[in-house]
PDB file of N, CA and C in Angstrom:
ATOM      1  N   MET A   1      82.721 -35.913  24.499  1.00  0.00           N
ATOM      2  CA  MET A   1      81.280 -35.436  24.445  1.00  0.00           C
ATOM      3  C   MET A   1      81.174 -34.623  23.072  1.00  0.00           C
ATOM      4  N   SER A   2      80.200 -35.035  22.334  1.00  0.00           N
ATOM      5  CA  SER A   2      80.042 -34.435  21.020  1.00  0.00           C
ATOM      6  C   SER A   2      79.204 -33.202  21.042  1.00  0.00           C
ATOM      7  N   LEU A   3      79.261 -32.519  19.988  1.00  0.00           N
ATOM      8  CA  LEU A   3      78.350 -31.255  19.791  1.00  0.00           C
ATOM      9  C   LEU A   3      76.928 -31.717  19.821  1.00  0.00           C
ATOM     10  N   HIS A   4      76.624 -32.752  19.132  1.00  0.00           N
ATOM     11  CA  HIS A   4      75.244 -33.305  19.088  1.00  0.00           C
ATOM     12  C   HIS A   4      74.716 -33.625  20.489  1.00  0.00           C
ATOM     13  N   HIS A   5      75.611 -34.282  21.255  1.00  0.00           N
ATOM     14  CA  HIS A   5      75.248 -34.637  22.650  1.00  0.00           C
ATOM     15  C   HIS A   5      74.939 -33.416  23.467  1.00  0.00           C
ATOM     16  N   ILE A   6      75.809 -32.404  23.372  1.00  0.00           N
ATOM     17  CA  ILE A   6      75.579 -31.177  24.083  1.00  0.00           C
ATOM     18  C   ILE A   6      74.354 -30.470  23.730  1.00  0.00           C
ATOM     19  N   LEU A   7      74.059 -30.267  22.454  1.00  0.00           N
ATOM     20  CA  LEU A   7      73.015 -29.470  21.939  1.00  0.00           C
ATOM     21  C   LEU A   7      71.621 -30.190  21.959  1.00  0.00           C
ATOM     22  N   SER A   8      71.677 -31.579  21.958  1.00  0.00           N
ATOM     23  CA  SER A   8      70.457 -32.259  21.754  1.00  0.00           C
ATOM     24  C   SER A   8      70.109 -33.294  22.851  1.00  0.00           C
ATOM     25  N   THR A   9      70.978 -33.998  23.339  1.00  0.00           N
ATOM     26  CA  THR A   9      70.579 -35.124  24.141  1.00  0.00           C
ATOM     27  C   THR A   9      71.105 -35.137  25.579  1.00  0.00           C
ATOM     28  N   CYS A  10      72.059 -34.393  26.003  1.00  0.00           N
ATOM     29  CA  CYS A  10      72.472 -34.456  27.359  1.00  0.00           C
ATOM     30  C   CYS A  10      71.484 -34.010  28.303  1.00  0.00           C
ATOM     31  N   SER A  11      71.033 -34.934  29.149  1.00  0.00           N
ATOM     32  CA  SER A  11      70.068 -34.683  30.093  1.00  0.00           C
ATOM     33  C   SER A  11      70.353 -33.601  31.120  1.00  0.00           C
ATOM     34  N   ALA A  12      71.571 -33.490  31.427  1.00  0.00           N
ATOM     35  CA  ALA A  12      71.910 -32.400  32.397  1.00  0.00           C
ATOM     36  C   ALA A  12      71.684 -31.005  31.854  1.00  0.00           C
ATOM     37  N   LEU A  13      71.565 -30.855  30.512  1.00  0.00           N
ATOM     38  CA  LEU A  13      71.369 -29.543  29.870  1.00  0.00           C
ATOM     39  C   LEU A  13      69.972 -29.354  29.383  1.00  0.00           C
ATOM     40  N   THR A  14      69.014 -30.185  29.855  1.00  0.00           N
ATOM     41  CA  THR A  14      67.675 -30.089  29.375  1.00  0.00           C
ATOM     42  C   THR A  14      67.063 -28.736  29.811  1.00  0.00           C
ATOM     43  N   THR A  15      67.271 -28.178  30.987  1.00  0.00           N
ATOM     44  CA  THR A  15      66.615 -27.022  31.415  1.00  0.00           C
ATOM     45  C   THR A  15      67.219 -25.863  30.562  1.00  0.00           C
ATOM     46  N   ILE A  16      68.498 -25.787  30.327  1.00  0.00           N
ATOM     47  CA  ILE A  16      69.025 -24.704  29.603  1.00  0.00           C
ATOM     48  C   ILE A  16      68.469 -24.814  28.064  1.00  0.00           C
ATOM     49  N   ARG A  17      68.401 -26.001  27.527  1.00  0.00           N
ATOM     50  CA  ARG A  17      67.885 -26.202  26.139  1.00  0.00           C
ATOM     51  C   ARG A  17      66.474 -25.751  26.063  1.00  0.00           C
ATOM     52  N   ASP A  18      65.591 -26.008  27.116  1.00  0.00           N
ATOM     53  CA  ASP A  18      64.291 -25.612  27.054  1.00  0.00           C
ATOM     54  C   ASP A  18      64.177 -24.064  27.040  1.00  0.00           C
ATOM     55  N   LYS A  19      64.970 -23.473  27.899  1.00  0.00           N
ATOM     56  CA  LYS A  19      65.004 -21.981  27.960  1.00  0.00           C
ATOM     57  C   LYS A  19      65.352 -21.433  26.606  1.00  0.00           C
ATOM     58  N   LEU A  20      66.410 -22.024  25.978  1.00  0.00           N
ATOM     59  CA  LEU A  20      66.933 -21.497  24.703  1.00  0.00           C
ATOM     60  C   LEU A  20      65.929 -21.713  23.582  1.00  0.00           C
ATOM     61  N   LEU A  21      65.182 -22.778  23.667  1.00  0.00           N
ATOM     62  CA  LEU A  21      64.064 -23.023  22.694  1.00  0.00           C
ATOM     63  C   LEU A  21      63.088 -21.969  22.834  1.00  0.00           C
ATOM     64  N   GLN A  22      62.632 -21.613  24.004  1.00  0.00           N
ATOM     65  CA  GLN A  22      61.686 -20.646  24.197  1.00  0.00           C
ATOM     66  C   GLN A  22      62.256 -19.204  23.656  1.00  0.00           C
ATOM     67  N   PHE A  23      63.400 -18.892  24.010  1.00  0.00           N
ATOM     68  CA  PHE A  23      64.092 -17.756  23.384  1.00  0.00           C
ATOM     69  C   PHE A  23      63.920 -17.739  21.861  1.00  0.00           C
ATOM     70  N   THR A  24      64.350 -18.936  21.254  1.00  0.00           N
ATOM     71  CA  THR A  24      64.379 -18.979  19.781  1.00  0.00           C
ATOM     72  C   THR A  24      62.893 -18.828  19.234  1.00  0.00           C
ATOM     73  N   LEU A  25      61.934 -19.383  19.825  1.00  0.00           N
ATOM     74  CA  LEU A  25      60.591 -19.261  19.434  1.00  0.00           C
ATOM     75  C   LEU A  25      60.019 -17.884  19.529  1.00  0.00           C
ATOM     76  N   GLN A  26      60.423 -17.233  20.658  1.00  0.00           N
ATOM     77  CA  GLN A  26      60.005 -15.772  20.846  1.00  0.00           C
ATOM     78  C   GLN A  26      60.718 -14.892  19.741  1.00  0.00           C
ATOM     79  N   TYR A  27      61.955 -15.137  19.613  1.00  0.00           N
ATOM     80  CA  TYR A  27      62.783 -14.318  18.650  1.00  0.00           C
ATOM     81  C   TYR A  27      62.255 -14.477  17.253  1.00  0.00           C
ATOM     82  N   SER A  28      61.939 -15.713  16.896  1.00  0.00           N
ATOM     83  CA  SER A  28      61.493 -15.981  15.495  1.00  0.00           C
ATOM     84  C   SER A  28      60.257 -15.177  15.202  1.00  0.00           C
ATOM     85  N   LEU A  29      59.405 -14.930  16.099  1.00  0.00           N
ATOM     86  CA  LEU A  29      58.203 -14.138  15.906  1.00  0.00           C
ATOM     87  C   LEU A  29      58.467 -12.686  15.578  1.00  0.00           C
ATOM     88  N   THR A  30      59.598 -12.300  15.915  1.00  0.00           N
ATOM     89  CA  THR A  30      60.023 -10.788  15.636  1.00  0.00           C
ATOM     90  C   THR A  30      60.539 -10.642  14.175  1.00  0.00           C
ATOM     91  N   VAL A  31      60.796 -11.704  13.453  1.00  0.00           N
ATOM     92  CA  VAL A  31      61.196 -11.600  12.112  1.00  0.00           C
ATOM     93  C   VAL A  31      60.443 -12.516  11.317  1.00  0.00           C
ATOM     94  N   PRO A  32      59.156 -12.171  11.017  1.00  0.00           N
ATOM     95  CA  PRO A  32      58.115 -13.019  10.265  1.00  0.00           C
ATOM     96  C   PRO A  32      58.599 -13.547   8.894  1.00  0.00           C
ATOM     97  N   ALA A  33      59.452 -12.696   8.266  1.00  0.00           N
ATOM     98  CA  ALA A  33      59.846 -13.161   6.956  1.00  0.00           C
ATOM     99  C   ALA A  33      60.792 -14.416   6.956  1.00  0.00           C
ATOM    100  N   ILE A  34      61.498 -14.646   8.138  1.00  0.00           N
ATOM    101  CA  ILE A  34      62.381 -15.774   8.147  1.00  0.00           C
ATOM    102  C   ILE A  34      62.037 -16.630   9.364  1.00  0.00           C
ATOM    103  N   THR A  35      60.799 -16.591   9.872  1.00  0.00           N
ATOM    104  CA  THR A  35      60.435 -17.396  11.035  1.00  0.00           C
ATOM    105  C   THR A  35      60.568 -18.845  10.748  1.00  0.00           C
ATOM    106  N   LYS A  36      60.100 -19.226   9.603  1.00  0.00           N
ATOM    107  CA  LYS A  36      60.226 -20.736   9.278  1.00  0.00           C
ATOM    108  C   LYS A  36      61.669 -21.158   9.147  1.00  0.00           C
ATOM    109  N   LEU A  37      62.473 -20.334   8.535  1.00  0.00           N
ATOM    110  CA  LEU A  37      63.940 -20.669   8.387  1.00  0.00           C
ATOM    111  C   LEU A  37      64.550 -20.811   9.798  1.00  0.00           C
ATOM    112  N   ILE A  38      64.215 -19.841  10.628  1.00  0.00           N
ATOM    113  CA  ILE A  38      64.818 -19.901  12.015  1.00  0.00           C
ATOM    114  C   ILE A  38      64.425 -21.228  12.698  1.00  0.00           C
ATOM    115  N   LEU A  39      63.156 -21.523  12.639  1.00  0.00           N
ATOM    116  CA  LEU A  39      62.668 -22.705  13.360  1.00  0.00           C
ATOM    117  C   LEU A  39      63.177 -24.007  12.708  1.00  0.00           C
ATOM    118  N   ASP A  40      63.391 -24.000  11.367  1.00  0.00           N
ATOM    119  CA  ASP A  40      64.067 -25.137  10.675  1.00  0.00           C
ATOM    120  C   ASP A  40      65.521 -25.405  11.174  1.00  0.00           C
ATOM    121  N   LEU A  41      66.192 -24.330  11.287  1.00  0.00           N
ATOM    122  CA  LEU A  41      67.624 -24.433  11.611  1.00  0.00           C
ATOM    123  C   LEU A  41      67.992 -24.425  13.118  1.00  0.00           C
ATOM    124  N   CYS A  42      67.158 -23.886  13.897  1.00  0.00           N
ATOM    125  CA  CYS A  42      67.579 -23.710  15.364  1.00  0.00           C
ATOM    126  C   CYS A  42      66.660 -24.293  16.395  1.00  0.00           C
ATOM    127  N   THR A  43      66.060 -25.345  16.045  1.00  0.00           N
ATOM    128  CA  THR A  43      65.247 -26.179  16.968  1.00  0.00           C
ATOM    129  C   THR A  43      65.946 -27.504  17.297  1.00  0.00           C
ATOM    130  N   PRO A  44      65.607 -28.117  18.391  1.00  0.00           N
ATOM    131  CA  PRO A  44      66.301 -29.325  18.866  1.00  0.00           C
ATOM    132  C   PRO A  44      66.223 -30.453  17.788  1.00  0.00           C
ATOM    133  N   SER A  45      65.400 -30.460  16.843  1.00  0.00           N
ATOM    134  CA  SER A  45      65.315 -31.563  15.941  1.00  0.00           C
ATOM    135  C   SER A  45      66.440 -31.308  14.880  1.00  0.00           C
ATOM    136  N   SER A  46      67.155 -30.251  14.807  1.00  0.00           N
ATOM    137  CA  SER A  46      68.176 -30.018  13.759  1.00  0.00           C
ATOM    138  C   SER A  46      69.266 -29.035  14.359  1.00  0.00           C
ATOM    139  N   PRO A  47      69.893 -29.394  15.464  1.00  0.00           N
ATOM    140  CA  PRO A  47      70.935 -28.367  15.955  1.00  0.00           C
ATOM    141  C   PRO A  47      72.315 -28.672  15.224  1.00  0.00           C
ATOM    142  N   ASP A  48      73.154 -29.432  15.761  1.00  0.00           N
ATOM    143  CA  ASP A  48      74.431 -29.815  15.247  1.00  0.00           C
ATOM    144  C   ASP A  48      75.234 -28.674  14.546  1.00  0.00           C
ATOM    145  N   LEU A  49      75.908 -29.003  13.472  1.00  0.00           N
ATOM    146  CA  LEU A  49      76.824 -28.044  12.852  1.00  0.00           C
ATOM    147  C   LEU A  49      76.201 -26.864  12.158  1.00  0.00           C
ATOM    148  N   LYS A  50      74.842 -27.043  11.876  1.00  0.00           N
ATOM    149  CA  LYS A  50      74.153 -25.906  11.125  1.00  0.00           C
ATOM    150  C   LYS A  50      74.217 -24.725  12.138  1.00  0.00           C
ATOM    151  N   ILE A  51      74.228 -25.021  13.435  1.00  0.00           N
ATOM    152  CA  ILE A  51      74.147 -23.972  14.363  1.00  0.00           C
ATOM    153  C   ILE A  51      75.499 -23.073  14.415  1.00  0.00           C
ATOM    154  N   ILE A  52      76.612 -23.764  14.040  1.00  0.00           N
ATOM    155  CA  ILE A  52      77.824 -23.112  14.101  1.00  0.00           C
ATOM    156  C   ILE A  52      78.010 -22.086  12.995  1.00  0.00           C
ATOM    157  N   ASP A  53      77.770 -22.496  11.744  1.00  0.00           N
ATOM    158  CA  ASP A  53      77.978 -21.649  10.660  1.00  0.00           C
ATOM    159  C   ASP A  53      76.828 -21.922   9.618  1.00  0.00           C
ATOM    160  N   CYS A  54      75.758 -21.205   9.748  1.00  0.00           N
ATOM    161  CA  CYS A  54      74.673 -21.532   8.835  1.00  0.00           C
ATOM    162  C   CYS A  54      74.761 -20.754   7.582  1.00  0.00           C
ATOM    163  N   SER A  55      75.777 -19.899   7.388  1.00  0.00           N
ATOM    164  CA  SER A  55      75.837 -19.142   6.142  1.00  0.00           C
ATOM    165  C   SER A  55      76.118 -19.871   4.860  1.00  0.00           C
ATOM    166  N   VAL A  56      76.454 -21.151   5.013  1.00  0.00           N
ATOM    167  CA  VAL A  56      76.675 -22.004   3.808  1.00  0.00           C
ATOM    168  C   VAL A  56      75.428 -22.831   3.424  1.00  0.00           C
ATOM    169  N   ILE A  57      74.432 -22.855   4.248  1.00  0.00           N
ATOM    170  CA  ILE A  57      73.202 -23.627   3.927  1.00  0.00           C
ATOM    171  C   ILE A  57      72.462 -23.006   2.784  1.00  0.00           C
ATOM    172  N   PRO A  58      72.061 -23.663   1.705  1.00  0.00           N
ATOM    173  CA  PRO A  58      71.431 -23.084   0.623  1.00  0.00           C
ATOM    174  C   PRO A  58      70.223 -22.213   0.979  1.00  0.00           C
ATOM    175  N   SER A  59      69.351 -22.703   1.961  1.00  0.00           N
ATOM    176  CA  SER A  59      68.185 -21.965   2.238  1.00  0.00           C
ATOM    177  C   SER A  59      68.520 -20.621   2.932  1.00  0.00           C
ATOM    178  N   VAL A  60      69.688 -20.590   3.634  1.00  0.00           N
ATOM    179  CA  VAL A  60      70.163 -19.313   4.266  1.00  0.00           C
ATOM    180  C   VAL A  60      70.725 -18.367   3.231  1.00  0.00           C
ATOM    181  N   ILE A  61      71.341 -18.981   2.252  1.00  0.00           N
ATOM    182  CA  ILE A  61      71.934 -18.143   1.209  1.00  0.00           C
ATOM    183  C   ILE A  61      70.767 -17.445   0.413  1.00  0.00           C
ATOM    184  N   LEU A  62      69.737 -18.269   0.115  1.00  0.00           N
ATOM    185  CA  LEU A  62      68.598 -17.703  -0.613  1.00  0.00           C
ATOM    186  C   LEU A  62      67.824 -16.625   0.159  1.00  0.00           C
ATOM    187  N   ALA A  63      67.619 -16.928   1.412  1.00  0.00           N
ATOM    188  CA  ALA A  63      66.977 -16.006   2.328  1.00  0.00           C
ATOM    189  C   ALA A  63      67.850 -14.606   2.393  1.00  0.00           C
ATOM    190  N   SER A  64      69.091 -14.752   2.456  1.00  0.00           N
ATOM    191  CA  SER A  64      70.036 -13.608   2.494  1.00  0.00           C
ATOM    192  C   SER A  64      69.986 -12.846   1.157  1.00  0.00           C
ATOM    193  N   GLN A  65      69.872 -13.584   0.087  1.00  0.00           N
ATOM    194  CA  GLN A  65      69.619 -12.940  -1.186  1.00  0.00           C
ATOM    195  C   GLN A  65      68.392 -12.206  -1.342  1.00  0.00           C
ATOM    196  N   THR A  66      67.270 -12.757  -0.795  1.00  0.00           N
ATOM    197  CA  THR A  66      65.951 -12.253  -0.802  1.00  0.00           C
ATOM    198  C   THR A  66      65.654 -11.104   0.200  1.00  0.00           C
ATOM    199  N   TYR A  67      66.128 -11.276   1.396  1.00  0.00           N
ATOM    200  CA  TYR A  67      65.802 -10.333   2.422  1.00  0.00           C
ATOM    201  C   TYR A  67      66.972  -9.501   2.881  1.00  0.00           C
ATOM    202  N   GLY A  68      68.192  -9.766   2.476  1.00  0.00           N
ATOM    203  CA  GLY A  68      69.310  -8.946   2.802  1.00  0.00           C
ATOM    204  C   GLY A  68      70.166  -9.542   3.933  1.00  0.00           C
ATOM    205  N   LYS A  69      71.190  -8.898   4.272  1.00  0.00           N
ATOM    206  CA  LYS A  69      72.246  -9.377   5.268  1.00  0.00           C
ATOM    207  C   LYS A  69      71.666  -9.546   6.633  1.00  0.00           C
ATOM    208  N   ASP A  70      70.599  -8.782   6.926  1.00  0.00           N
ATOM    209  CA  ASP A  70      70.024  -8.983   8.319  1.00  0.00           C
ATOM    210  C   ASP A  70      69.667 -10.440   8.628  1.00  0.00           C
ATOM    211  N   VAL A  71      69.367 -11.183   7.616  1.00  0.00           N
ATOM    212  CA  VAL A  71      69.009 -12.630   7.848  1.00  0.00           C
ATOM    213  C   VAL A  71      70.171 -13.314   8.617  1.00  0.00           C
ATOM    214  N   LEU A  72      71.341 -13.121   8.108  1.00  0.00           N
ATOM    215  CA  LEU A  72      72.541 -13.700   8.990  1.00  0.00           C
ATOM    216  C   LEU A  72      72.708 -13.118  10.280  1.00  0.00           C
ATOM    217  N   HIS A  73      72.448 -11.812  10.415  1.00  0.00           N
ATOM    218  CA  HIS A  73      72.516 -11.163  11.804  1.00  0.00           C
ATOM    219  C   HIS A  73      71.570 -11.912  12.731  1.00  0.00           C
ATOM    220  N   HIS A  74      70.312 -12.062  12.309  1.00  0.00           N
ATOM    221  CA  HIS A  74      69.355 -12.766  13.156  1.00  0.00           C
ATOM    222  C   HIS A  74      69.818 -14.123  13.491  1.00  0.00           C
ATOM    223  N   LEU A  75      70.169 -14.899  12.482  1.00  0.00           N
ATOM    224  CA  LEU A  75      70.511 -16.311  12.673  1.00  0.00           C
ATOM    225  C   LEU A  75      71.784 -16.377  13.573  1.00  0.00           C
ATOM    226  N   TYR A  76      72.755 -15.570  13.360  1.00  0.00           N
ATOM    227  CA  TYR A  76      73.976 -15.600  14.343  1.00  0.00           C
ATOM    228  C   TYR A  76      73.612 -15.173  15.641  1.00  0.00           C
ATOM    229  N   ASN A  77      72.694 -14.178  15.781  1.00  0.00           N
ATOM    230  CA  ASN A  77      72.241 -13.769  17.145  1.00  0.00           C
ATOM    231  C   ASN A  77      71.700 -14.999  17.929  1.00  0.00           C
ATOM    232  N   ILE A  78      70.886 -15.801  17.288  1.00  0.00           N
ATOM    233  CA  ILE A  78      70.201 -16.886  17.862  1.00  0.00           C
ATOM    234  C   ILE A  78      71.247 -18.022  18.180  1.00  0.00           C
ATOM    235  N   THR A  79      72.140 -18.293  17.223  1.00  0.00           N
ATOM    236  CA  THR A  79      72.993 -19.355  17.452  1.00  0.00           C
ATOM    237  C   THR A  79      74.107 -18.963  18.490  1.00  0.00           C
ATOM    238  N   ARG A  80      74.532 -17.821  18.550  1.00  0.00           N
ATOM    239  CA  ARG A  80      75.543 -17.483  19.540  1.00  0.00           C
ATOM    240  C   ARG A  80      74.869 -17.473  20.898  1.00  0.00           C
ATOM    241  N   THR A  81      73.599 -16.990  20.923  1.00  0.00           N
ATOM    242  CA  THR A  81      72.853 -17.055  22.239  1.00  0.00           C
ATOM    243  C   THR A  81      72.686 -18.400  22.693  1.00  0.00           C
ATOM    244  N   SER A  82      72.570 -19.362  21.823  1.00  0.00           N
ATOM    245  CA  SER A  82      72.371 -20.792  22.147  1.00  0.00           C
ATOM    246  C   SER A  82      73.634 -21.514  22.635  1.00  0.00           C
ATOM    247  N   VAL A  83      74.745 -21.244  21.871  1.00  0.00           N
ATOM    248  CA  VAL A  83      75.882 -21.982  22.103  1.00  0.00           C
ATOM    249  C   VAL A  83      76.591 -21.631  23.419  1.00  0.00           C
ATOM    250  N   GLN A  84      76.681 -20.342  23.696  1.00  0.00           N
ATOM    251  CA  GLN A  84      77.474 -19.927  24.835  1.00  0.00           C
ATOM    252  C   GLN A  84      76.836 -20.345  26.183  1.00  0.00           C
ATOM    253  N   PRO A  85      75.539 -20.133  26.402  1.00  0.00           N
ATOM    254  CA  PRO A  85      75.020 -20.731  27.741  1.00  0.00           C
ATOM    255  C   PRO A  85      75.075 -22.271  27.866  1.00  0.00           C
ATOM    256  N   SER A  86      74.980 -22.956  26.721  1.00  0.00           N
ATOM    257  CA  SER A  86      75.165 -24.369  26.783  1.00  0.00           C
ATOM    258  C   SER A  86      76.555 -24.809  27.216  1.00  0.00           C
ATOM    259  N   GLN A  87      77.533 -24.176  26.595  1.00  0.00           N
ATOM    260  CA  GLN A  87      78.931 -24.418  26.912  1.00  0.00           C
ATOM    261  C   GLN A  87      79.243 -24.014  28.304  1.00  0.00           C
ATOM    262  N   ARG A  88      78.640 -22.874  28.704  1.00  0.00           N
ATOM    263  CA  ARG A  88      78.896 -22.382  30.211  1.00  0.00           C
ATOM    264  C   ARG A  88      78.360 -23.424  31.138  1.00  0.00           C
ATOM    265  N   GLU A  89      77.093 -23.829  30.912  1.00  0.00           N
ATOM    266  CA  GLU A  89      76.493 -24.824  31.795  1.00  0.00           C
ATOM    267  C   GLU A  89      77.257 -26.084  31.796  1.00  0.00           C
ATOM    268  N   ARG A  90      77.731 -26.623  30.640  1.00  0.00           N
ATOM    269  CA  ARG A  90      78.413 -27.819  30.524  1.00  0.00           C
ATOM    270  C   ARG A  90      79.711 -27.734  31.398  1.00  0.00           C
ATOM    271  N   LEU A  91      80.418 -26.483  31.361  1.00  0.00           N
ATOM    272  CA  LEU A  91      81.622 -26.366  32.105  1.00  0.00           C
ATOM    273  C   LEU A  91      81.354 -26.341  33.595  1.00  0.00           C
ATOM    274  N   LYS A  92      80.246 -25.719  33.972  1.00  0.00           N
ATOM    275  CA  LYS A  92      79.827 -25.838  35.343  1.00  0.00           C
ATOM    276  C   LYS A  92      79.668 -27.169  35.900  1.00  0.00           C
ATOM    277  N   ILE A  93      78.963 -28.045  35.085  1.00  0.00           N
ATOM    278  CA  ILE A  93      78.550 -29.384  35.448  1.00  0.00           C
ATOM    279  C   ILE A  93      79.950 -30.242  35.617  1.00  0.00           C
ATOM    280  N   ILE A  94      80.888 -30.014  34.813  1.00  0.00           N
ATOM    281  CA  ILE A  94      82.176 -30.785  34.858  1.00  0.00           C
ATOM    282  C   ILE A  94      83.202 -30.154  35.870  1.00  0.00           C
ATOM    283  N   GLY A  95      82.812 -29.004  36.470  1.00  0.00           N
ATOM    284  CA  GLY A  95      83.731 -28.359  37.469  1.00  0.00           C
ATOM    285  C   GLY A  95      84.856 -27.494  36.730  1.00  0.00           C
ATOM    286  N   ARG A  96      84.686 -27.096  35.589  1.00  0.00           N
ATOM    287  CA  ARG A  96      85.664 -26.328  34.906  1.00  0.00           C
ATOM    288  C   ARG A  96      85.396 -24.868  34.579  1.00  0.00           C
ATOM    289  N   TRP A  97      84.208 -24.394  35.150  1.00  0.00           N
ATOM    290  CA  TRP A  97      83.706 -23.026  34.850  1.00  0.00           C
ATOM    291  C   TRP A  97      84.618 -22.053  35.851  1.00  0.00           C
ATOM    292  N   ASN A  98      85.112 -21.045  35.174  1.00  0.00           N
ATOM    293  CA  ASN A  98      85.945 -20.006  35.866  1.00  0.00           C
ATOM    294  C   ASN A  98      85.421 -18.688  35.247  1.00  0.00           C
ATOM    295  N   PRO A  99      84.453 -18.008  35.972  1.00  0.00           N
ATOM    296  CA  PRO A  99      83.837 -16.855  35.350  1.00  0.00           C
ATOM    297  C   PRO A  99      84.785 -15.644  35.163  1.00  0.00           C
ATOM    298  N   THR A 100      86.000 -15.689  35.766  1.00  0.00           N
ATOM    299  CA  THR A 100      86.873 -14.551  35.695  1.00  0.00           C
ATOM    300  C   THR A 100      87.779 -14.653  34.523  1.00  0.00           C
TER     301      THR A 100
END
């Protein structure tokens, strides 16, 4: 199972993806200076590896230089919030979730 499948196309994870998209949309409104950047990087049309380490993407570098280190803080907050629940839900589906 690929990262793209987990983050974009797995039908079993549709509900969690919808919730995470709502979180991303709401969160992006709290940082108007980088709302467009957040939506460009963290929506279903463009998940994949950008979500793992966005600090090497030119638009993120430029935003960090323009608005400061908080840009990375906001982007990492969104990406970490997105990846962990998706992985947890996937593990539950395949019977490998152990919360302890």
